[in-house]
Amino acid sequence: MSHDRPTPEELVEAVREFLEQEVLPELDDRRQRFRTLVAMNALGIATRELSAGEAGPTQDELRALAEQIRAGEVPEGTLALLKEQVAAKLRIASPRYLERYS
């Protein structure tokens, strides 16, 4: 489905930028600054999640793979698949961590 402008990604990013550029510099209270930084981080994750789309195995497919592994049946390519899944999650949740350790 096609979205009008602004896109969901643009809306989330606009709120994050507003917090960063307009709200955060005005905050003196350490607790409010921390909570604003947490909100900005969450919005950054949401932006990356929206941009990433739906790629890779579904949750049901990963559950089935986990059951196979528990049963001692490890399909060819499992390690590579799992490494890519972890990397995909880190690209969303913590891209700097992935860059540092890749």
PDB file of N, CA and C in Angstrom:
ATOM      1  N   MET A   1       0.844  -1.169   0.000  1.00  0.00           N
ATOM      2  CA  MET A   1       0.000   0.000   0.000  1.00  0.00           C
ATOM      3  C   MET A   1       0.891   1.234   0.000  1.00  0.00           C
ATOM      4  N   SER A   2       0.509   2.223  -0.765  1.00  0.00           N
ATOM      5  CA  SER A   2       1.255   3.464  -0.863  1.00  0.00           C
ATOM      6  C   SER A   2       0.727   4.461   0.173  1.00  0.00           C
ATOM      7  N   HIS A   3       1.642   5.123   0.841  1.00  0.00           N
ATOM      8  CA  HIS A   3       1.270   6.114   1.853  1.00  0.00           C
ATOM      9  C   HIS A   3       1.460   7.512   1.289  1.00  0.00           C
ATOM     10  N   ASP A   4       0.637   8.424   1.790  1.00  0.00           N
ATOM     11  CA  ASP A   4       0.830   9.826   1.458  1.00  0.00           C
ATOM     12  C   ASP A   4       2.024  10.345   2.243  1.00  0.00           C
ATOM     13  N   ARG A   5       2.429  11.565   1.924  1.00  0.00           N
ATOM     14  CA  ARG A   5       3.523  12.199   2.644  1.00  0.00           C
ATOM     15  C   ARG A   5       2.948  12.994   3.794  1.00  0.00           C
ATOM     16  N   PRO A   6       3.562  13.047   4.923  1.00  0.00           N
ATOM     17  CA  PRO A   6       4.791  12.333   5.264  1.00  0.00           C
ATOM     18  C   PRO A   6       4.517  10.845   5.506  1.00  0.00           C
ATOM     19  N   THR A   7       5.535  10.050   5.244  1.00  0.00           N
ATOM     20  CA  THR A   7       5.454   8.609   5.473  1.00  0.00           C
ATOM     21  C   THR A   7       5.567   8.342   6.976  1.00  0.00           C
ATOM     22  N   PRO A   8       5.201   7.141   7.420  1.00  0.00           N
ATOM     23  CA  PRO A   8       5.397   6.822   8.841  1.00  0.00           C
ATOM     24  C   PRO A   8       6.843   7.016   9.284  1.00  0.00           C
ATOM     25  N   GLU A   9       7.794   6.627   8.423  1.00  0.00           N
ATOM     26  CA  GLU A   9       9.209   6.799   8.758  1.00  0.00           C
ATOM     27  C   GLU A   9       9.548   8.276   8.965  1.00  0.00           C
ATOM     28  N   GLU A  10       9.033   9.123   8.080  1.00  0.00           N
ATOM     29  CA  GLU A  10       9.300  10.562   8.175  1.00  0.00           C
ATOM     30  C   GLU A  10       8.672  11.163   9.424  1.00  0.00           C
ATOM     31  N   LEU A  11       7.480  10.707   9.790  1.00  0.00           N
ATOM     32  CA  LEU A  11       6.824  11.212  11.002  1.00  0.00           C
ATOM     33  C   LEU A  11       7.626  10.870  12.256  1.00  0.00           C
ATOM     34  N   VAL A  12       8.037   9.618  12.347  1.00  0.00           N
ATOM     35  CA  VAL A  12       8.810   9.187  13.519  1.00  0.00           C
ATOM     36  C   VAL A  12      10.127   9.946  13.586  1.00  0.00           C
ATOM     37  N   GLU A  13      10.796  10.087  12.458  1.00  0.00           N
ATOM     38  CA  GLU A  13      12.073  10.805  12.425  1.00  0.00           C
ATOM     39  C   GLU A  13      11.883  12.277  12.783  1.00  0.00           C
ATOM     40  N   ALA A  14      10.788  12.886  12.351  1.00  0.00           N
ATOM     41  CA  ALA A  14      10.529  14.292  12.678  1.00  0.00           C
ATOM     42  C   ALA A  14      10.357  14.485  14.186  1.00  0.00           C
ATOM     43  N   VAL A  15       9.679  13.561  14.841  1.00  0.00           N
ATOM     44  CA  VAL A  15       9.512  13.655  16.296  1.00  0.00           C
ATOM     45  C   VAL A  15      10.857  13.489  16.989  1.00  0.00           C
ATOM     46  N   ARG A  16      11.665  12.518  16.521  1.00  0.00           N
ATOM     47  CA  ARG A  16      12.993  12.307  17.121  1.00  0.00           C
ATOM     48  C   ARG A  16      13.856  13.553  16.966  1.00  0.00           C
ATOM     49  N   GLU A  17      13.846  14.158  15.785  1.00  0.00           N
ATOM     50  CA  GLU A  17      14.627  15.377  15.553  1.00  0.00           C
ATOM     51  C   GLU A  17      14.127  16.532  16.413  1.00  0.00           C
ATOM     52  N   PHE A  18      12.825  16.650  16.588  1.00  0.00           N
ATOM     53  CA  PHE A  18      12.261  17.694  17.453  1.00  0.00           C
ATOM     54  C   PHE A  18      12.769  17.528  18.877  1.00  0.00           C
ATOM     55  N   LEU A  19      12.727  16.305  19.392  1.00  0.00           N
ATOM     56  CA  LEU A  19      13.217  16.064  20.752  1.00  0.00           C
ATOM     57  C   LEU A  19      14.699  16.402  20.862  1.00  0.00           C
ATOM     58  N   GLU A  20      15.466  15.996  19.857  1.00  0.00           N
ATOM     59  CA  GLU A  20      16.911  16.220  19.886  1.00  0.00           C
ATOM     60  C   GLU A  20      17.279  17.698  19.775  1.00  0.00           C
ATOM     61  N   GLN A  21      16.628  18.410  18.875  1.00  0.00           N
ATOM     62  CA  GLN A  21      17.040  19.775  18.570  1.00  0.00           C
ATOM     63  C   GLN A  21      16.319  20.842  19.389  1.00  0.00           C
ATOM     64  N   GLU A  22      15.093  20.575  19.797  1.00  0.00           N
ATOM     65  CA  GLU A  22      14.309  21.618  20.472  1.00  0.00           C
ATOM     66  C   GLU A  22      14.092  21.346  21.961  1.00  0.00           C
ATOM     67  N   VAL A  23      13.825  20.105  22.305  1.00  0.00           N
ATOM     68  CA  VAL A  23      13.480  19.786  23.698  1.00  0.00           C
ATOM     69  C   VAL A  23      14.725  19.519  24.528  1.00  0.00           C
ATOM     70  N   LEU A  24      15.566  18.600  24.082  1.00  0.00           N
ATOM     71  CA  LEU A  24      16.730  18.187  24.864  1.00  0.00           C
ATOM     72  C   LEU A  24      17.632  19.346  25.290  1.00  0.00           C
ATOM     73  N   PRO A  25      17.957  20.280  24.401  1.00  0.00           N
ATOM     74  CA  PRO A  25      18.836  21.379  24.821  1.00  0.00           C
ATOM     75  C   PRO A  25      18.249  22.248  25.941  1.00  0.00           C
ATOM     76  N   GLU A  26      16.935  22.241  26.100  1.00  0.00           N
ATOM     77  CA  GLU A  26      16.280  23.070  27.118  1.00  0.00           C
ATOM     78  C   GLU A  26      16.120  22.373  28.464  1.00  0.00           C
ATOM     79  N   LEU A  27      16.433  21.103  28.546  1.00  0.00           N
ATOM     80  CA  LEU A  27      16.199  20.336  29.769  1.00  0.00           C
ATOM     81  C   LEU A  27      17.386  20.423  30.719  1.00  0.00           C
ATOM     82  N   ASP A  28      17.103  20.829  31.948  1.00  0.00           N
ATOM     83  CA  ASP A  28      18.129  20.854  32.990  1.00  0.00           C
ATOM     84  C   ASP A  28      17.984  19.671  33.946  1.00  0.00           C
ATOM     85  N   ASP A  29      16.773  19.184  34.095  1.00  0.00           N
ATOM     86  CA  ASP A  29      16.500  18.070  34.994  1.00  0.00           C
ATOM     87  C   ASP A  29      17.094  16.785  34.420  1.00  0.00           C
ATOM     88  N   ARG A  30      17.968  16.124  35.187  1.00  0.00           N
ATOM     89  CA  ARG A  30      18.677  14.936  34.700  1.00  0.00           C
ATOM     90  C   ARG A  30      17.720  13.799  34.360  1.00  0.00           C
ATOM     91  N   ARG A  31      16.671  13.647  35.160  1.00  0.00           N
ATOM     92  CA  ARG A  31      15.695  12.585  34.907  1.00  0.00           C
ATOM     93  C   ARG A  31      14.947  12.842  33.603  1.00  0.00           C
ATOM     94  N   GLN A  32      14.553  14.072  33.363  1.00  0.00           N
ATOM     95  CA  GLN A  32      13.861  14.403  32.116  1.00  0.00           C
ATOM     96  C   GLN A  32      14.791  14.245  30.913  1.00  0.00           C
ATOM     97  N   ARG A  33      16.047  14.625  31.074  1.00  0.00           N
ATOM     98  CA  ARG A  33      17.014  14.441  29.980  1.00  0.00           C
ATOM     99  C   ARG A  33      17.163  12.961  29.646  1.00  0.00           C
ATOM    100  N   PHE A  34      17.313  12.135  30.693  1.00  0.00           N
ATOM    101  CA  PHE A  34      17.459  10.696  30.487  1.00  0.00           C
ATOM    102  C   PHE A  34      16.231  10.124  29.781  1.00  0.00           C
ATOM    103  N   ARG A  35      15.055  10.478  30.244  1.00  0.00           N
ATOM    104  CA  ARG A  35      13.821   9.961  29.643  1.00  0.00           C
ATOM    105  C   ARG A  35      13.655  10.433  28.202  1.00  0.00           C
ATOM    106  N   THR A  36      14.096  11.639  27.921  1.00  0.00           N
ATOM    107  CA  THR A  36      14.034  12.146  26.551  1.00  0.00           C
ATOM    108  C   THR A  36      15.013  11.385  25.666  1.00  0.00           C
ATOM    109  N   LEU A  37      16.203  11.109  26.185  1.00  0.00           N
ATOM    110  CA  LEU A  37      17.174  10.307  25.426  1.00  0.00           C
ATOM    111  C   LEU A  37      16.652   8.895  25.159  1.00  0.00           C
ATOM    112  N   VAL A  38      15.975   8.312  26.146  1.00  0.00           N
ATOM    113  CA  VAL A  38      15.373   6.985  25.956  1.00  0.00           C
ATOM    114  C   VAL A  38      14.308   7.047  24.861  1.00  0.00           C
ATOM    115  N   ALA A  39      13.475   8.086  24.902  1.00  0.00           N
ATOM    116  CA  ALA A  39      12.438   8.253  23.873  1.00  0.00           C
ATOM    117  C   ALA A  39      13.065   8.434  22.499  1.00  0.00           C
ATOM    118  N   MET A  40      14.129   9.209  22.414  1.00  0.00           N
ATOM    119  CA  MET A  40      14.811   9.413  21.131  1.00  0.00           C
ATOM    120  C   MET A  40      15.383   8.097  20.608  1.00  0.00           C
ATOM    121  N   ASN A  41      15.961   7.306  21.501  1.00  0.00           N
ATOM    122  CA  ASN A  41      16.499   6.010  21.102  1.00  0.00           C
ATOM    123  C   ASN A  41      15.375   5.106  20.582  1.00  0.00           C
ATOM    124  N   ALA A  42      14.247   5.084  21.287  1.00  0.00           N
ATOM    125  CA  ALA A  42      13.111   4.267  20.861  1.00  0.00           C
ATOM    126  C   ALA A  42      12.601   4.712  19.488  1.00  0.00           C
ATOM    127  N   LEU A  43      12.562   6.008  19.260  1.00  0.00           N
ATOM    128  CA  LEU A  43      12.122   6.516  17.961  1.00  0.00           C
ATOM    129  C   LEU A  43      13.127   6.157  16.859  1.00  0.00           C
ATOM    130  N   GLY A  44      14.398   6.165  17.185  1.00  0.00           N
ATOM    131  CA  GLY A  44      15.413   5.745  16.218  1.00  0.00           C
ATOM    132  C   GLY A  44      15.237   4.273  15.843  1.00  0.00           C
ATOM    133  N   ILE A  45      14.953   3.435  16.844  1.00  0.00           N
ATOM    134  CA  ILE A  45      14.699   2.018  16.588  1.00  0.00           C
ATOM    135  C   ILE A  45      13.459   1.868  15.710  1.00  0.00           C
ATOM    136  N   ALA A  46      12.400   2.620  16.039  1.00  0.00           N
ATOM    137  CA  ALA A  46      11.167   2.547  15.248  1.00  0.00           C
ATOM    138  C   ALA A  46      11.414   2.959  13.797  1.00  0.00           C
ATOM    139  N   THR A  47      12.205   3.989  13.595  1.00  0.00           N
ATOM    140  CA  THR A  47      12.521   4.442  12.238  1.00  0.00           C
ATOM    141  C   THR A  47      13.241   3.343  11.461  1.00  0.00           C
ATOM    142  N   ARG A  48      14.237   2.735  12.092  1.00  0.00           N
ATOM    143  CA  ARG A  48      14.987   1.672  11.421  1.00  0.00           C
ATOM    144  C   ARG A  48      14.097   0.450  11.167  1.00  0.00           C
ATOM    145  N   GLU A  49      13.213   0.142  12.101  1.00  0.00           N
ATOM    146  CA  GLU A  49      12.287  -0.985  11.935  1.00  0.00           C
ATOM    147  C   GLU A  49      11.354  -0.741  10.754  1.00  0.00           C
ATOM    148  N   LEU A  50      10.814   0.460  10.660  1.00  0.00           N
ATOM    149  CA  LEU A  50       9.922   0.797   9.546  1.00  0.00           C
ATOM    150  C   LEU A  50      10.652   0.727   8.214  1.00  0.00           C
ATOM    151  N   SER A  51      11.899   1.160   8.203  1.00  0.00           N
ATOM    152  CA  SER A  51      12.680   1.166   6.963  1.00  0.00           C
ATOM    153  C   SER A  51      13.125  -0.230   6.552  1.00  0.00           C
ATOM    154  N   ALA A  52      13.283  -1.117   7.519  1.00  0.00           N
ATOM    155  CA  ALA A  52      13.817  -2.453   7.241  1.00  0.00           C
ATOM    156  C   ALA A  52      12.825  -3.335   6.494  1.00  0.00           C
ATOM    157  N   GLY A  53      11.553  -3.159   6.722  1.00  0.00           N
ATOM    158  CA  GLY A  53      10.573  -4.021   6.070  1.00  0.00           C
ATOM    159  C   GLY A  53      10.558  -5.407   6.684  1.00  0.00           C
ATOM    160  N   GLU A  54       9.923  -6.328   6.009  1.00  0.00           N
ATOM    161  CA  GLU A  54       9.777  -7.697   6.496  1.00  0.00           C
ATOM    162  C   GLU A  54      10.653  -8.642   5.681  1.00  0.00           C
ATOM    163  N   ALA A  55      11.870  -8.853   6.113  1.00  0.00           N
ATOM    164  CA  ALA A  55      12.762  -9.769   5.411  1.00  0.00           C
ATOM    165  C   ALA A  55      13.162 -10.892   6.355  1.00  0.00           C
ATOM    166  N   GLY A  56      13.551 -11.996   5.787  1.00  0.00           N
ATOM    167  CA  GLY A  56      14.029 -13.106   6.590  1.00  0.00           C
ATOM    168  C   GLY A  56      12.909 -14.036   7.003  1.00  0.00           C
ATOM    169  N   PRO A  57      13.283 -15.069   7.772  1.00  0.00           N
ATOM    170  CA  PRO A  57      12.300 -16.061   8.185  1.00  0.00           C
ATOM    171  C   PRO A  57      11.272 -15.483   9.149  1.00  0.00           C
ATOM    172  N   THR A  58      10.080 -16.058   9.125  1.00  0.00           N
ATOM    173  CA  THR A  58       9.019 -15.634  10.042  1.00  0.00           C
ATOM    174  C   THR A  58       9.285 -16.208  11.425  1.00  0.00           C
ATOM    175  N   GLN A  59       8.543 -15.738  12.396  1.00  0.00           N
ATOM    176  CA  GLN A  59       8.662 -16.276  13.758  1.00  0.00           C
ATOM    177  C   GLN A  59       8.325 -17.763  13.781  1.00  0.00           C
ATOM    178  N   ASP A  60       7.317 -18.159  13.018  1.00  0.00           N
ATOM    179  CA  ASP A  60       6.952 -19.583  12.963  1.00  0.00           C
ATOM    180  C   ASP A  60       8.086 -20.412  12.374  1.00  0.00           C
ATOM    181  N   GLU A  61       8.736 -19.899  11.339  1.00  0.00           N
ATOM    182  CA  GLU A  61       9.857 -20.622  10.735  1.00  0.00           C
ATOM    183  C   GLU A  61      11.030 -20.726  11.712  1.00  0.00           C
ATOM    184  N   LEU A  62      11.277 -19.666  12.469  1.00  0.00           N
ATOM    185  CA  LEU A  62      12.359 -19.713  13.461  1.00  0.00           C
ATOM    186  C   LEU A  62      12.022 -20.684  14.594  1.00  0.00           C
ATOM    187  N   ARG A  63      10.751 -20.730  15.007  1.00  0.00           N
ATOM    188  CA  ARG A  63      10.340 -21.704  16.031  1.00  0.00           C
ATOM    189  C   ARG A  63      10.556 -23.126  15.529  1.00  0.00           C
ATOM    190  N   ALA A  64      10.181 -23.380  14.284  1.00  0.00           N
ATOM    191  CA  ALA A  64      10.361 -24.713  13.709  1.00  0.00           C
ATOM    192  C   ALA A  64      11.846 -25.073  13.643  1.00  0.00           C
ATOM    193  N   LEU A  65      12.680 -24.094  13.279  1.00  0.00           N
ATOM    194  CA  LEU A  65      14.123 -24.328  13.244  1.00  0.00           C
ATOM    195  C   LEU A  65      14.647 -24.640  14.645  1.00  0.00           C
ATOM    196  N   ALA A  66      14.176 -23.903  15.639  1.00  0.00           N
ATOM    197  CA  ALA A  66      14.602 -24.155  17.021  1.00  0.00           C
ATOM    198  C   ALA A  66      14.216 -25.570  17.457  1.00  0.00           C
ATOM    199  N   GLU A  67      13.037 -26.014  17.063  1.00  0.00           N
ATOM    200  CA  GLU A  67      12.612 -27.378  17.401  1.00  0.00           C
ATOM    201  C   GLU A  67      13.511 -28.407  16.733  1.00  0.00           C
ATOM    202  N   GLN A  68      13.880 -28.156  15.484  1.00  0.00           N
ATOM    203  CA  GLN A  68      14.797 -29.062  14.779  1.00  0.00           C
ATOM    204  C   GLN A  68      16.138 -29.130  15.493  1.00  0.00           C
ATOM    205  N   ILE A  69      16.651 -27.967  15.889  1.00  0.00           N
ATOM    206  CA  ILE A  69      17.954 -27.925  16.561  1.00  0.00           C
ATOM    207  C   ILE A  69      17.874 -28.686  17.884  1.00  0.00           C
ATOM    208  N   ARG A  70      16.791 -28.457  18.648  1.00  0.00           N
ATOM    209  CA  ARG A  70      16.626 -29.179  19.919  1.00  0.00           C
ATOM    210  C   ARG A  70      16.575 -30.691  19.704  1.00  0.00           C
ATOM    211  N   ALA A  71      16.033 -31.108  18.576  1.00  0.00           N
ATOM    212  CA  ALA A  71      15.922 -32.537  18.265  1.00  0.00           C
ATOM    213  C   ALA A  71      17.232 -33.090  17.703  1.00  0.00           C
ATOM    214  N   GLY A  72      18.245 -32.239  17.585  1.00  0.00           N
ATOM    215  CA  GLY A  72      19.533 -32.689  17.084  1.00  0.00           C
ATOM    216  C   GLY A  72      19.653 -32.669  15.575  1.00  0.00           C
ATOM    217  N   GLU A  73      18.682 -32.072  14.901  1.00  0.00           N
ATOM    218  CA  GLU A  73      18.697 -31.988  13.445  1.00  0.00           C
ATOM    219  C   GLU A  73      19.022 -30.551  13.044  1.00  0.00           C
ATOM    220  N   VAL A  74      20.270 -30.306  12.695  1.00  0.00           N
ATOM    221  CA  VAL A  74      20.694 -28.956  12.336  1.00  0.00           C
ATOM    222  C   VAL A  74      20.842 -28.884  10.816  1.00  0.00           C
ATOM    223  N   PRO A  75      19.896 -28.196  10.158  1.00  0.00           N
ATOM    224  CA  PRO A  75      19.953 -28.110   8.702  1.00  0.00           C
ATOM    225  C   PRO A  75      21.197 -27.354   8.228  1.00  0.00           C
ATOM    226  N   GLU A  76      21.625 -27.694   7.020  1.00  0.00           N
ATOM    227  CA  GLU A  76      22.752 -27.003   6.378  1.00  0.00           C
ATOM    228  C   GLU A  76      22.443 -25.507   6.318  1.00  0.00           C
ATOM    229  N   GLY A  77      23.416 -24.679   6.632  1.00  0.00           N
ATOM    230  CA  GLY A  77      23.248 -23.231   6.533  1.00  0.00           C
ATOM    231  C   GLY A  77      22.624 -22.582   7.754  1.00  0.00           C
ATOM    232  N   THR A  78      22.386 -23.356   8.805  1.00  0.00           N
ATOM    233  CA  THR A  78      21.728 -22.807  10.001  1.00  0.00           C
ATOM    234  C   THR A  78      22.571 -21.719  10.661  1.00  0.00           C
ATOM    235  N   LEU A  79      23.866 -21.951  10.808  1.00  0.00           N
ATOM    236  CA  LEU A  79      24.721 -20.963  11.461  1.00  0.00           C
ATOM    237  C   LEU A  79      24.703 -19.644  10.697  1.00  0.00           C
ATOM    238  N   ALA A  80      24.823 -19.701   9.382  1.00  0.00           N
ATOM    239  CA  ALA A  80      24.799 -18.477   8.567  1.00  0.00           C
ATOM    240  C   ALA A  80      23.458 -17.771   8.695  1.00  0.00           C
ATOM    241  N   LEU A  81      22.369 -18.536   8.684  1.00  0.00           N
ATOM    242  CA  LEU A  81      21.035 -17.948   8.830  1.00  0.00           C
ATOM    243  C   LEU A  81      20.899 -17.237  10.176  1.00  0.00           C
ATOM    244  N   LEU A  82      21.338 -17.893  11.236  1.00  0.00           N
ATOM    245  CA  LEU A  82      21.217 -17.296  12.567  1.00  0.00           C
ATOM    246  C   LEU A  82      22.109 -16.068  12.724  1.00  0.00           C
ATOM    247  N   LYS A  83      23.309 -16.109  12.152  1.00  0.00           N
ATOM    248  CA  LYS A  83      24.186 -14.935  12.192  1.00  0.00           C
ATOM    249  C   LYS A  83      23.531 -13.760  11.475  1.00  0.00           C
ATOM    250  N   GLU A  84      22.897 -14.017  10.338  1.00  0.00           N
ATOM    251  CA  GLU A  84      22.221 -12.943   9.601  1.00  0.00           C
ATOM    252  C   GLU A  84      21.025 -12.414  10.389  1.00  0.00           C
ATOM    253  N   GLN A  85      20.306 -13.298  11.079  1.00  0.00           N
ATOM    254  CA  GLN A  85      19.167 -12.860  11.891  1.00  0.00           C
ATOM    255  C   GLN A  85      19.634 -11.933  13.016  1.00  0.00           C
ATOM    256  N   VAL A  86      20.719 -12.307  13.672  1.00  0.00           N
ATOM    257  CA  VAL A  86      21.257 -11.473  14.744  1.00  0.00           C
ATOM    258  C   VAL A  86      21.730 -10.139  14.177  1.00  0.00           C
ATOM    259  N   ALA A  87      22.418 -10.173  13.049  1.00  0.00           N
ATOM    260  CA  ALA A  87      22.898  -8.935  12.422  1.00  0.00           C
ATOM    261  C   ALA A  87      21.726  -8.050  12.026  1.00  0.00           C
ATOM    262  N   ALA A  88      20.659  -8.629  11.488  1.00  0.00           N
ATOM    263  CA  ALA A  88      19.475  -7.847  11.095  1.00  0.00           C
ATOM    264  C   ALA A  88      18.845  -7.171  12.309  1.00  0.00           C
ATOM    265  N   LYS A  89      18.776  -7.896  13.410  1.00  0.00           N
ATOM    266  CA  LYS A  89      18.205  -7.305  14.632  1.00  0.00           C
ATOM    267  C   LYS A  89      19.104  -6.186  15.174  1.00  0.00           C
ATOM    268  N   LEU A  90      20.415  -6.394  15.111  1.00  0.00           N
ATOM    269  CA  LEU A  90      21.339  -5.351  15.579  1.00  0.00           C
ATOM    270  C   LEU A  90      21.319  -4.123  14.684  1.00  0.00           C
ATOM    271  N   ARG A  91      21.114  -4.315  13.365  1.00  0.00           N
ATOM    272  CA  ARG A  91      21.004  -3.158  12.469  1.00  0.00           C
ATOM    273  C   ARG A  91      19.849  -2.259  12.888  1.00  0.00           C
ATOM    274  N   ILE A  92      18.835  -2.826  13.504  1.00  0.00           N
ATOM    275  CA  ILE A  92      17.683  -2.056  13.963  1.00  0.00           C
ATOM    276  C   ILE A  92      17.901  -1.552  15.385  1.00  0.00           C
ATOM    277  N   ALA A  93      18.258  -2.443  16.292  1.00  0.00           N
ATOM    278  CA  ALA A  93      18.330  -2.083  17.706  1.00  0.00           C
ATOM    279  C   ALA A  93      19.583  -1.304  18.078  1.00  0.00           C
ATOM    280  N   SER A  94      20.711  -1.651  17.467  1.00  0.00           N
ATOM    281  CA  SER A  94      21.975  -1.037  17.874  1.00  0.00           C
ATOM    282  C   SER A  94      23.002  -1.113  16.743  1.00  0.00           C
ATOM    283  N   PRO A  95      22.812  -0.323  15.684  1.00  0.00           N
ATOM    284  CA  PRO A  95      23.723  -0.420  14.534  1.00  0.00           C
ATOM    285  C   PRO A  95      25.176  -0.117  14.871  1.00  0.00           C
ATOM    286  N   ARG A  96      25.431   0.755  15.831  1.00  0.00           N
ATOM    287  CA  ARG A  96      26.825   1.049  16.194  1.00  0.00           C
ATOM    288  C   ARG A  96      27.517  -0.161  16.791  1.00  0.00           C
ATOM    289  N   TYR A  97      26.774  -0.947  17.562  1.00  0.00           N
ATOM    290  CA  TYR A  97      27.339  -2.165  18.137  1.00  0.00           C
ATOM    291  C   TYR A  97      27.741  -3.121  17.029  1.00  0.00           C
ATOM    292  N   LEU A  98      26.865  -3.269  16.036  1.00  0.00           N
ATOM    293  CA  LEU A  98      27.149  -4.157  14.912  1.00  0.00           C
ATOM    294  C   LEU A  98      28.378  -3.676  14.147  1.00  0.00           C
ATOM    295  N   GLU A  99      28.479  -2.382  13.891  1.00  0.00           N
ATOM    296  CA  GLU A  99      29.621  -1.817  13.167  1.00  0.00           C
ATOM    297  C   GLU A  99      30.918  -2.060  13.944  1.00  0.00           C
ATOM    298  N   ARG A 100      30.845  -1.924  15.253  1.00  0.00           N
ATOM    299  CA  ARG A 100      32.034  -2.064  16.088  1.00  0.00           C
ATOM    300  C   ARG A 100      32.554  -3.486  16.091  1.00  0.00           C
ATOM    301  N   TYR A 101      31.656  -4.489  16.048  1.00  0.00           N
ATOM    302  CA  TYR A 101      32.086  -5.873  16.209  1.00  0.00           C
ATOM    303  C   TYR A 101      31.956  -6.719  14.948  1.00  0.00           C
ATOM    304  N   SER A 102      31.703  -6.109  13.809  1.00  0.00           N
ATOM    305  CA  SER A 102      31.613  -6.913  12.576  1.00  0.00           C
ATOM    306  C   SER A 102      32.955  -6.967  11.897  1.00  0.00           C
TER     307      SER A 102
END
